[in-house]
């Protein structure tokens, strides 16, 4: 049994932090494309951001920008004997000046929170997150948030409830169609229960039709064995879900949900990446992003099962066309197999562009790189856009919300000997504006 799910689950299970001061930071004077700090852990805390494949930032229709952060608080200093976890809270951090200054706006109304996917949902936001929620085992919750009042709407809804140490669930991703349907993507852990699941370490899906109040029953997404590290994004009335699966050798599988019916359009897993070959095997993580013209990009690694051949690639296609895989950066230390790298992601760009952001394992995750990609092909060379201490860019999460292009591109997490329990920053073009496609629903 591969340990895929346990590794994936670790990223989504409670990483606790206590709320820090909620006062707004002073906006830095310089503008343009740069790194802006959002929050920094104290000596008794760890900070975490969304996973690489989750929607890790969201713009609101009223102009505000939001970033979900998990704060884990310990009984002792992080650098010493930390002792027991005191609590963990999912916080929503907000900027009202285009990303230059940030404040903590609210926290999730559950206990033992893990990381979250956050997306625009009409005038509101929709949030999908992991939490213990007063029980012993990780479950998945969903709730809307009103950025006009900075208040949660209603009560949190449990849409996948854990029952035991081997039957737990974590939030993978969340997407909204043009017509207003929501698709929640959920990962399972260990001994998944029939009849919903035919395999542990799989990906599940629940559908909420536009204007509906009840979610459709949970269904499994992957047809073949395993379905790990899922990522999702809407294009029109459809939602594509990608995940690592194993028809034989591992591939990045993909299935599409029709947001009007909640049904899958493919009977089995479509390969959204390359065909496996020597020195061209994948790891678990692939990050999906659509451009504004219907192109579909998947950022993932290729390599061998030992260091030396690693590189980051973009697999691009339009529905019904062959996949084209192009290298965007070499990183020889990357290893294929049951690995869960979190240091690369995609962000929505204008027109047919997406932005690939990454750090390199071979550089100790000390530099943030940007590569502009059009229809799967790099536009010029990748360039360093920020630098820091070793571990400064160990985790990245992109702004991939469907139907909007924002100047906020990526959320970064730095952690290491000189960064303590975590420094969360954002990179983009400041002050950030958000450009919305015409509404169809």
Protein backbone atom coordinates (compact mmCIF):
# COMPACT_ATOMS: atom_id res chain seq x y z
CA UNK A 1 0.00 0.00 0.00
CA UNK A 2 1.65 3.28 -0.99
CA UNK A 3 1.99 5.96 1.63
CA UNK A 4 0.62 8.55 -0.77
CA UNK A 5 -2.48 9.37 1.22
CA UNK A 6 -0.70 9.72 4.53
CA UNK A 7 1.68 12.24 3.03
CA UNK A 8 -1.12 14.13 1.32
CA UNK A 9 -3.16 14.12 4.51
CA UNK A 10 -0.36 15.65 6.54
CA UNK A 11 -0.58 18.79 4.45
CA UNK A 12 -4.29 19.09 5.10
CA UNK A 13 -4.66 17.98 8.72
CA UNK A 14 -4.65 20.51 11.54
CA UNK A 15 -1.63 22.74 11.60
CA UNK A 16 -2.64 24.91 14.47
CA UNK A 17 -2.04 28.50 15.12
CA UNK A 18 -3.41 31.05 17.46
CA UNK A 19 -4.68 34.33 16.10
CA UNK A 20 -2.03 37.00 16.00
CA UNK A 21 -2.75 40.70 16.25
CA UNK A 22 -5.48 41.62 13.80
CA UNK A 23 -4.35 45.17 13.23
CA UNK A 24 -3.44 46.20 9.71
CA UNK A 25 0.22 46.36 8.75
CA UNK A 26 1.73 49.55 7.42
CA UNK A 27 1.75 49.41 3.61
CA UNK A 28 5.26 49.30 2.16
CA UNK A 29 6.02 52.41 0.14
CA UNK A 30 7.30 50.73 -3.02
CA UNK A 31 4.83 49.52 -5.65
CA UNK A 32 5.07 47.32 -8.72
CA UNK A 33 5.95 43.63 -8.89
CA UNK A 34 7.39 42.58 -5.54
CA UNK A 35 7.03 40.37 -2.47
CA UNK A 36 4.80 41.70 0.34
CA UNK A 37 4.71 40.11 3.80
CA UNK A 38 1.27 39.16 5.13
CA UNK A 39 1.89 37.42 8.48
CA UNK A 40 4.76 36.08 10.59
CA UNK A 41 4.66 33.36 13.28
CA UNK A 42 5.64 34.10 16.86
CA UNK A 43 7.95 31.87 18.90
CA UNK A 44 5.05 29.61 19.93
CA UNK A 45 3.48 29.17 16.48
CA UNK A 46 3.66 27.62 13.05
CA UNK A 47 2.00 29.16 10.00
CA UNK A 48 0.84 27.25 6.95
CA UNK A 49 -0.81 28.25 3.68
CA UNK A 50 -2.95 26.35 1.20
CA UNK A 51 -1.44 23.40 -0.63
CA UNK A 52 0.10 23.94 -4.07
CA UNK A 53 -2.93 22.45 -5.84
CA UNK A 54 -5.55 24.40 -3.89
CA UNK A 55 -7.01 27.80 -4.70
CA UNK A 56 -4.84 29.62 -2.18
CA UNK A 57 -6.02 33.23 -2.64
CA UNK A 58 -9.19 34.92 -3.85
CA UNK A 59 -10.33 38.38 -4.95
CA UNK A 60 -13.77 39.63 -3.94
CA UNK A 61 -16.17 41.63 -6.11
CA UNK A 62 -15.87 44.60 -3.76
CA UNK A 63 -12.13 44.87 -4.51
CA UNK A 64 -10.78 43.16 -1.40
CA UNK A 65 -8.17 40.39 -1.59
CA UNK A 66 -8.17 37.35 0.71
CA UNK A 67 -5.57 34.75 1.73
CA UNK A 68 -6.36 31.75 4.01
CA UNK A 69 -3.65 31.00 6.61
CA UNK A 70 -3.58 28.25 9.26
CA UNK A 71 -1.98 29.18 12.59
CA UNK A 72 -0.85 26.37 14.89
CA UNK A 73 -0.09 27.35 18.47
CA UNK A 74 2.06 25.25 20.76
CA UNK A 75 2.55 25.09 24.51
CA UNK A 76 6.23 25.97 24.15
CA UNK A 77 8.53 27.84 21.75
CA UNK A 78 8.78 26.39 18.24
CA UNK A 79 12.58 26.46 18.37
CA UNK A 80 12.69 24.54 21.67
CA UNK A 81 10.49 21.92 23.30
CA UNK A 82 7.18 22.94 21.76
CA UNK A 83 5.06 20.65 23.87
CA UNK A 84 1.49 19.86 22.90
CA UNK A 85 -0.55 21.65 20.26
CA UNK A 86 -2.84 24.15 21.95
CA UNK A 87 -5.07 24.85 18.97
CA UNK A 88 -5.16 25.47 15.25
CA UNK A 89 -7.25 28.04 13.47
CA UNK A 90 -7.94 28.86 9.86
CA UNK A 91 -7.66 32.62 9.49
CA UNK A 92 -8.81 34.78 6.59
CA UNK A 93 -6.38 37.64 5.93
CA UNK A 94 -7.63 40.63 3.97
CA UNK A 95 -6.21 43.53 1.97
CA UNK A 96 -8.26 46.58 0.97
CA UNK A 97 -5.46 48.51 -0.72
CA UNK A 98 -4.54 46.16 -3.57
CA UNK A 99 -2.27 43.85 -1.59
CA UNK A 100 0.03 46.42 0.01
CA UNK A 101 -1.29 46.04 3.56
CA UNK A 102 -2.97 43.06 5.27
CA UNK A 103 -5.07 42.40 8.37
CA UNK A 104 -6.66 39.33 9.91
CA UNK A 105 -10.38 39.63 9.14
CA UNK A 106 -11.90 36.49 10.69
CA UNK A 107 -11.32 32.84 11.65
CA UNK A 108 -13.15 29.64 10.73
CA UNK A 109 -15.93 28.63 13.16
CA UNK A 110 -14.56 25.10 13.73
CA UNK A 111 -11.88 23.53 15.92
CA UNK A 112 -8.59 21.95 14.89
CA UNK A 113 -8.48 23.52 11.44
CA UNK A 114 -6.31 22.49 8.51
CA UNK A 115 -5.71 24.26 5.22
CA UNK A 116 -8.33 25.60 2.83
CA UNK A 117 -9.37 26.37 -0.73
CA UNK A 118 -10.99 29.79 -1.18
CA UNK A 119 -12.82 31.08 -4.29
CA UNK A 120 -15.18 33.89 -5.36
CA UNK A 121 -18.85 32.90 -5.29
CA UNK A 122 -20.87 35.76 -6.74
CA UNK A 123 -20.69 38.66 -4.28
CA UNK A 124 -19.53 36.21 -1.61
CA UNK A 125 -16.59 33.85 -1.16
CA UNK A 126 -16.82 30.08 -0.76
CA UNK A 127 -14.40 28.20 1.48
CA UNK A 128 -13.64 24.46 1.75
CA UNK A 129 -11.37 23.41 4.60
CA UNK A 130 -10.23 20.54 6.78
CA UNK A 131 -10.96 20.46 10.52
CA UNK A 132 -11.34 18.09 13.44
CA UNK A 133 -14.47 20.03 14.36
CA UNK A 134 -14.82 18.85 17.95
CA UNK A 135 -14.20 15.19 17.03
CA UNK A 136 -10.98 13.18 16.91
CA UNK A 137 -10.72 12.70 13.17
CA UNK A 138 -10.27 15.04 10.21
CA UNK A 139 -13.40 16.05 8.29
CA UNK A 140 -14.20 18.52 5.50
CA UNK A 141 -16.33 21.64 5.99
CA UNK A 142 -17.82 24.20 3.61
CA UNK A 143 -19.22 27.66 4.24
CA UNK A 144 -19.76 30.97 2.47
CA UNK A 145 -18.19 34.23 3.62
CA UNK A 146 -19.44 37.78 3.02
CA UNK A 147 -16.53 40.16 2.29
CA UNK A 148 -18.87 43.16 2.61
CA UNK A 149 -19.45 42.47 6.32
CA UNK A 150 -16.44 40.24 7.11
CA UNK A 151 -18.82 37.62 8.48
CA UNK A 152 -19.42 33.94 7.78
CA UNK A 153 -22.84 33.19 6.29
CA UNK A 154 -24.87 30.64 8.24
CA UNK A 155 -23.11 27.69 9.87
CA UNK A 156 -20.31 25.43 8.61
CA UNK A 157 -21.56 22.37 6.73
CA UNK A 158 -19.73 19.04 7.10
CA UNK A 159 -19.60 17.41 3.68
CA UNK A 160 -17.22 14.52 4.53
CA UNK A 161 -17.07 13.29 8.12
CA UNK A 162 -14.19 11.24 9.48
CA UNK A 163 -15.05 8.27 11.68
CA UNK A 164 -11.71 6.72 12.73
CA UNK A 165 -7.96 7.08 12.51
CA UNK A 166 -8.00 5.26 9.18
CA UNK A 167 -11.18 6.90 7.85
CA UNK A 168 -10.39 10.61 7.57
CA UNK A 169 -10.95 13.28 4.91
CA UNK A 170 -9.24 16.46 3.77
CA UNK A 171 -10.18 19.38 1.56
CA UNK A 172 -8.51 19.12 -1.84
CA UNK A 173 -9.99 21.96 -3.90
CA UNK A 174 -13.14 23.91 -4.75
CA UNK A 175 -14.44 25.34 -8.06
CA UNK A 176 -17.45 27.36 -9.22
CA UNK A 177 -18.97 27.26 -12.71
CA UNK A 178 -20.16 30.32 -14.62
CA UNK A 179 -23.74 29.33 -13.80
CA UNK A 180 -23.08 29.18 -10.06
CA UNK A 181 -22.69 25.44 -9.37
CA UNK A 182 -19.99 24.41 -6.88
CA UNK A 183 -17.81 21.31 -7.06
CA UNK A 184 -16.03 20.33 -3.85
CA UNK A 185 -13.07 17.95 -4.23
CA UNK A 186 -12.20 15.77 -1.24
CA UNK A 187 -9.34 13.35 -0.51
CA UNK A 188 -9.70 10.24 1.64
CA UNK A 189 -7.25 8.49 3.93
CA UNK A 190 -6.27 4.86 4.50
CA UNK A 191 -9.19 2.44 4.96
CA UNK A 192 -11.86 4.10 2.83
CA UNK A 193 -15.37 2.77 3.28
CA UNK A 194 -17.49 1.14 0.56
CA UNK A 195 -19.79 1.67 -1.28
CA UNK A 196 -18.53 5.17 -2.17
CA UNK A 197 -14.88 4.15 -2.41
CA UNK A 198 -13.27 1.26 -4.27
CA UNK A 199 -9.75 2.29 -3.26
CA UNK A 200 -8.09 4.16 -0.43
CA UNK A 201 -6.05 7.31 -1.11
CA UNK A 202 -8.71 8.35 -3.62
CA UNK A 203 -10.37 11.61 -4.62
CA UNK A 204 -14.09 12.22 -4.12
CA UNK A 205 -16.46 14.90 -5.41
CA UNK A 206 -19.68 16.53 -4.20
CA UNK A 207 -21.78 18.82 -6.39
CA UNK A 208 -23.98 21.72 -5.33
CA UNK A 209 -26.25 22.78 -8.16
CA UNK A 210 -26.75 26.49 -8.76
CA UNK A 211 -29.31 27.86 -6.26
CA UNK A 212 -29.49 24.47 -4.49
CA UNK A 213 -29.21 24.13 -0.70
CA UNK A 214 -28.27 20.43 -0.47
CA UNK A 215 -25.07 18.89 -1.79
CA UNK A 216 -25.36 15.80 -4.01
CA UNK A 217 -24.00 12.56 -2.51
CA UNK A 218 -20.26 11.91 -2.48
CA UNK A 219 -18.90 10.04 -5.52
CA UNK A 220 -15.40 8.82 -6.30
CA UNK A 221 -13.56 10.67 -9.07
CA UNK A 222 -10.67 8.35 -9.98
CA UNK A 223 -11.58 5.11 -11.75
CA UNK A 224 -8.17 3.46 -11.47
CA UNK A 225 -6.24 2.85 -8.25
CA UNK A 226 -5.51 5.89 -6.11
CA UNK A 227 -6.40 9.50 -6.78
CA UNK A 228 -4.08 11.77 -4.85
CA UNK A 229 -3.34 15.49 -4.56
CA UNK A 230 -6.32 16.69 -6.59
CA UNK A 231 -6.58 20.14 -8.17
CA UNK A 232 -9.69 21.62 -9.81
CA UNK A 233 -10.77 24.56 -11.96
CA UNK A 234 -13.92 25.55 -13.82
CA UNK A 235 -14.21 26.49 -17.49
CA UNK A 236 -17.67 27.72 -18.30
CA UNK A 237 -20.18 25.17 -17.04
CA UNK A 238 -17.59 22.41 -16.62
CA UNK A 239 -15.10 21.62 -13.86
CA UNK A 240 -11.89 19.72 -14.60
CA UNK A 241 -10.40 17.70 -11.74
CA UNK A 242 -6.82 16.41 -11.98
CA UNK A 243 -5.13 13.91 -9.62
CA UNK A 244 -2.34 11.34 -9.58
CA UNK A 245 -3.65 7.86 -10.38
CA UNK A 246 -2.26 4.48 -11.41
CA UNK A 247 -3.71 2.63 -14.39
CA UNK A 248 -0.27 0.94 -14.41
CA UNK A 249 2.52 3.50 -14.11
CA UNK A 250 1.43 6.68 -12.37
CA UNK A 251 -0.13 9.44 -14.49
CA UNK A 252 -1.97 12.69 -13.83
CA UNK A 253 -5.54 11.61 -14.40
CA UNK A 254 -8.38 13.99 -15.22
CA UNK A 255 -12.17 13.84 -15.25
CA UNK A 256 -14.65 16.59 -16.07
CA UNK A 257 -17.87 17.34 -14.19
CA UNK A 258 -20.80 18.97 -15.99
CA UNK A 259 -21.88 21.65 -13.53
CA UNK A 260 -25.47 21.55 -14.82
CA UNK A 261 -25.97 17.84 -14.08
CA UNK A 262 -23.21 16.84 -11.67
CA UNK A 263 -22.22 13.98 -13.98
CA UNK A 264 -18.78 13.05 -15.30
CA UNK A 265 -18.15 13.45 -19.02
CA UNK A 266 -15.48 10.71 -19.19
CA UNK A 267 -16.09 7.10 -18.23
CA UNK A 268 -12.52 6.66 -17.05
CA UNK A 269 -9.42 8.68 -16.22
CA UNK A 270 -8.02 10.81 -19.03
CA UNK A 271 -4.23 11.34 -18.99
CA UNK A 272 -3.66 15.09 -18.61
CA UNK A 273 0.13 14.76 -18.78
CA UNK A 274 2.83 12.80 -20.55
CA UNK A 275 3.04 9.07 -21.08
CA UNK A 276 5.42 7.47 -18.54
CA UNK A 277 8.92 6.71 -19.85
CA UNK A 278 12.47 6.34 -18.54
CA UNK A 279 13.48 9.55 -16.73
CA UNK A 280 9.98 10.92 -17.39
CA UNK A 281 8.00 9.67 -14.41
CA UNK A 282 5.78 11.90 -12.28
CA UNK A 283 5.35 12.59 -8.57
CA UNK A 284 1.98 13.04 -6.87
CA UNK A 285 1.43 16.78 -7.28
CA UNK A 286 0.10 18.43 -10.43
CA UNK A 287 -1.40 21.93 -10.42
CA UNK A 288 -4.23 22.63 -12.86
CA UNK A 289 -5.02 26.05 -14.30
CA UNK A 290 -7.13 27.29 -17.22
CA UNK A 291 -6.50 30.40 -19.26
CA UNK A 292 -9.26 32.76 -20.42
CA UNK A 293 -9.48 31.13 -23.86
CA UNK A 294 -10.14 27.52 -22.79
CA UNK A 295 -6.57 26.23 -22.70
CA UNK A 296 -5.74 23.80 -19.91
CA UNK A 297 -2.30 23.79 -18.25
CA UNK A 298 -0.97 21.28 -15.73
CA UNK A 299 2.31 22.08 -13.95
CA UNK A 300 4.13 19.02 -12.62
CA UNK A 301 7.54 17.44 -12.37
CA UNK A 302 9.22 14.77 -14.44
CA UNK A 303 12.25 12.76 -13.43
CA UNK A 304 13.70 9.48 -12.36
CA UNK A 305 13.27 7.62 -9.08
CA UNK A 306 16.62 9.00 -7.95
CA UNK A 307 18.04 12.55 -8.22
CA UNK A 308 19.70 13.81 -11.38
CA UNK A 309 16.98 14.06 -14.02
CA UNK A 310 14.39 16.30 -12.38
CA UNK A 311 12.66 19.15 -14.19
CA UNK A 312 9.41 21.11 -14.07
CA UNK A 313 7.10 20.86 -17.08
CA UNK A 314 3.76 22.18 -18.29
CA UNK A 315 1.38 19.73 -19.96
CA UNK A 316 -1.05 21.75 -22.09
CA UNK A 317 -4.11 20.90 -24.14
CA UNK A 318 -7.56 21.97 -25.12
CA UNK A 319 -10.39 19.49 -24.59
CA UNK A 320 -10.29 16.99 -27.44
CA UNK A 321 -6.70 17.77 -28.46
CA UNK A 322 -3.47 15.91 -27.77
CA UNK A 323 -1.44 16.90 -24.72
CA UNK A 324 1.83 18.76 -25.33
CA UNK A 325 4.45 18.64 -22.55
CA UNK A 326 7.18 21.31 -22.41
CA UNK A 327 10.03 21.77 -19.93
CA UNK A 328 10.11 25.17 -18.23
CA UNK A 329 12.97 24.66 -15.73
CA UNK A 330 15.55 22.07 -14.75
CA UNK A 331 15.84 21.10 -11.09
CA UNK A 332 17.97 17.94 -11.00
CA UNK A 333 17.26 17.18 -7.33
CA UNK A 334 13.57 16.51 -8.00
CA UNK A 335 12.56 12.85 -7.68
CA UNK A 336 9.58 11.08 -9.21
CA UNK A 337 7.42 8.66 -7.29
CA UNK A 338 5.43 8.87 -4.06
CA UNK A 339 6.53 12.45 -3.34
CA UNK A 340 4.42 15.51 -2.56
CA UNK A 341 6.38 18.66 -3.52
CA UNK A 342 4.66 21.94 -2.66
CA UNK A 343 7.11 24.45 -4.15
CA UNK A 344 5.47 25.06 -7.54
CA UNK A 345 2.09 26.37 -8.63
CA UNK A 346 0.20 28.19 -11.38
CA UNK A 347 -1.64 31.51 -11.38
CA UNK A 348 -4.27 32.76 -13.81
CA UNK A 349 -2.93 35.30 -16.33
CA UNK A 350 -4.56 37.55 -18.93
CA UNK A 351 -5.88 36.06 -22.18
CA UNK A 352 -4.17 32.80 -23.04
CA UNK A 353 -1.42 33.20 -20.45
CA UNK A 354 -0.79 31.53 -17.12
CA UNK A 355 2.06 32.25 -14.71
CA UNK A 356 4.20 29.40 -13.43
CA UNK A 357 5.83 30.13 -10.07
CA UNK A 358 8.37 27.85 -8.46
CA UNK A 359 11.41 27.56 -6.27
CA UNK A 360 14.13 24.95 -6.77
CA UNK A 361 15.12 22.17 -4.42
CA UNK A 362 18.66 22.42 -5.79
CA UNK A 363 18.76 26.05 -4.54
CA UNK A 364 17.39 25.25 -1.09
CA UNK A 365 14.06 26.91 -1.99
CA UNK A 366 15.76 30.30 -1.52
CA UNK A 367 14.55 31.97 -4.75
CA UNK A 368 11.14 32.54 -6.31
CA UNK A 369 11.04 32.03 -10.08
CA UNK A 370 8.40 33.18 -12.56
CA UNK A 371 7.76 31.86 -16.06
CA UNK A 372 5.05 33.28 -18.31
CA UNK A 373 3.45 30.48 -20.34
CA UNK A 374 1.24 30.80 -23.41
CA UNK A 375 -0.55 27.64 -24.56
CA UNK A 376 2.01 25.51 -22.74
CA UNK A 377 5.08 27.26 -24.16
CA UNK A 378 7.33 29.59 -22.11
CA UNK A 379 7.42 33.21 -23.23
CA UNK A 380 11.13 33.90 -22.85
CA UNK A 381 13.32 32.56 -20.07
CA UNK A 382 12.11 31.95 -16.53
CA UNK A 383 13.40 34.69 -14.22
CA UNK A 384 14.07 35.11 -10.52
CA UNK A 385 11.61 37.61 -9.08
CA UNK A 386 12.43 37.37 -5.35
CA UNK A 387 15.17 35.92 -3.14
CA UNK A 388 15.52 35.15 0.56
CA UNK A 389 16.95 32.76 3.12
CA UNK A 390 17.12 29.03 2.56
CA UNK A 391 13.53 27.74 2.80
CA UNK A 392 12.01 31.15 1.99
CA UNK A 393 9.76 29.66 -0.73
CA UNK A 394 9.16 26.13 0.49
CA UNK A 395 5.40 26.23 -0.20
CA UNK A 396 3.52 28.10 -2.95
CA UNK A 397 -0.22 28.44 -3.70
CA UNK A 398 -1.58 30.28 -6.74
CA UNK A 399 -4.55 32.55 -7.46
CA UNK A 400 -6.38 30.27 -9.92
CA UNK A 401 -9.99 31.40 -9.43
CA UNK A 402 -12.09 30.81 -12.52
CA UNK A 403 -13.34 33.82 -14.45
CA UNK A 404 -10.99 36.42 -12.96
CA UNK A 405 -7.41 37.58 -13.46
CA UNK A 406 -5.87 39.37 -10.49
CA UNK A 407 -2.66 41.27 -9.82
CA UNK A 408 -2.26 38.98 -6.78
CA UNK A 409 -0.52 35.96 -8.27
CA UNK A 410 0.90 33.68 -5.59
CA UNK A 411 1.05 33.09 -1.83
CA UNK A 412 4.42 31.96 -0.45
CA UNK A 413 5.42 30.28 2.81
CA UNK A 414 8.96 30.50 4.17
CA UNK A 415 10.11 28.25 6.97
CA UNK A 416 13.58 27.37 8.21
CA UNK A 417 16.33 28.10 10.72
CA UNK A 418 16.14 31.86 10.07
CA UNK A 419 12.42 32.01 9.35
CA UNK A 420 11.06 30.41 12.51
CA UNK A 421 7.57 28.99 12.43
CA UNK A 422 6.69 30.58 9.12
CA UNK A 423 6.49 33.78 7.12
CA UNK A 424 3.56 34.15 4.72
CA UNK A 425 3.96 36.59 1.83
CA UNK A 426 2.25 37.38 -1.45
CA UNK A 427 3.80 38.16 -4.81
CA UNK A 428 2.14 40.03 -7.64
CA UNK A 429 1.79 43.42 -9.30
CA UNK A 430 0.85 46.04 -6.72
CA UNK A 431 -1.53 47.61 -6.16
CA UNK A 432 -3.40 44.59 -7.47
CA UNK A 433 -6.53 44.98 -9.55
CA UNK A 434 -8.86 42.13 -10.49
CA UNK A 435 -10.41 41.79 -13.94
CA UNK A 436 -13.59 39.74 -14.16
CA UNK A 437 -14.93 37.99 -17.22
CA UNK A 438 -18.55 38.87 -18.09
CA UNK A 439 -20.97 36.99 -15.87
CA UNK A 440 -23.06 34.28 -17.47
CA UNK A 441 -24.83 33.25 -14.32
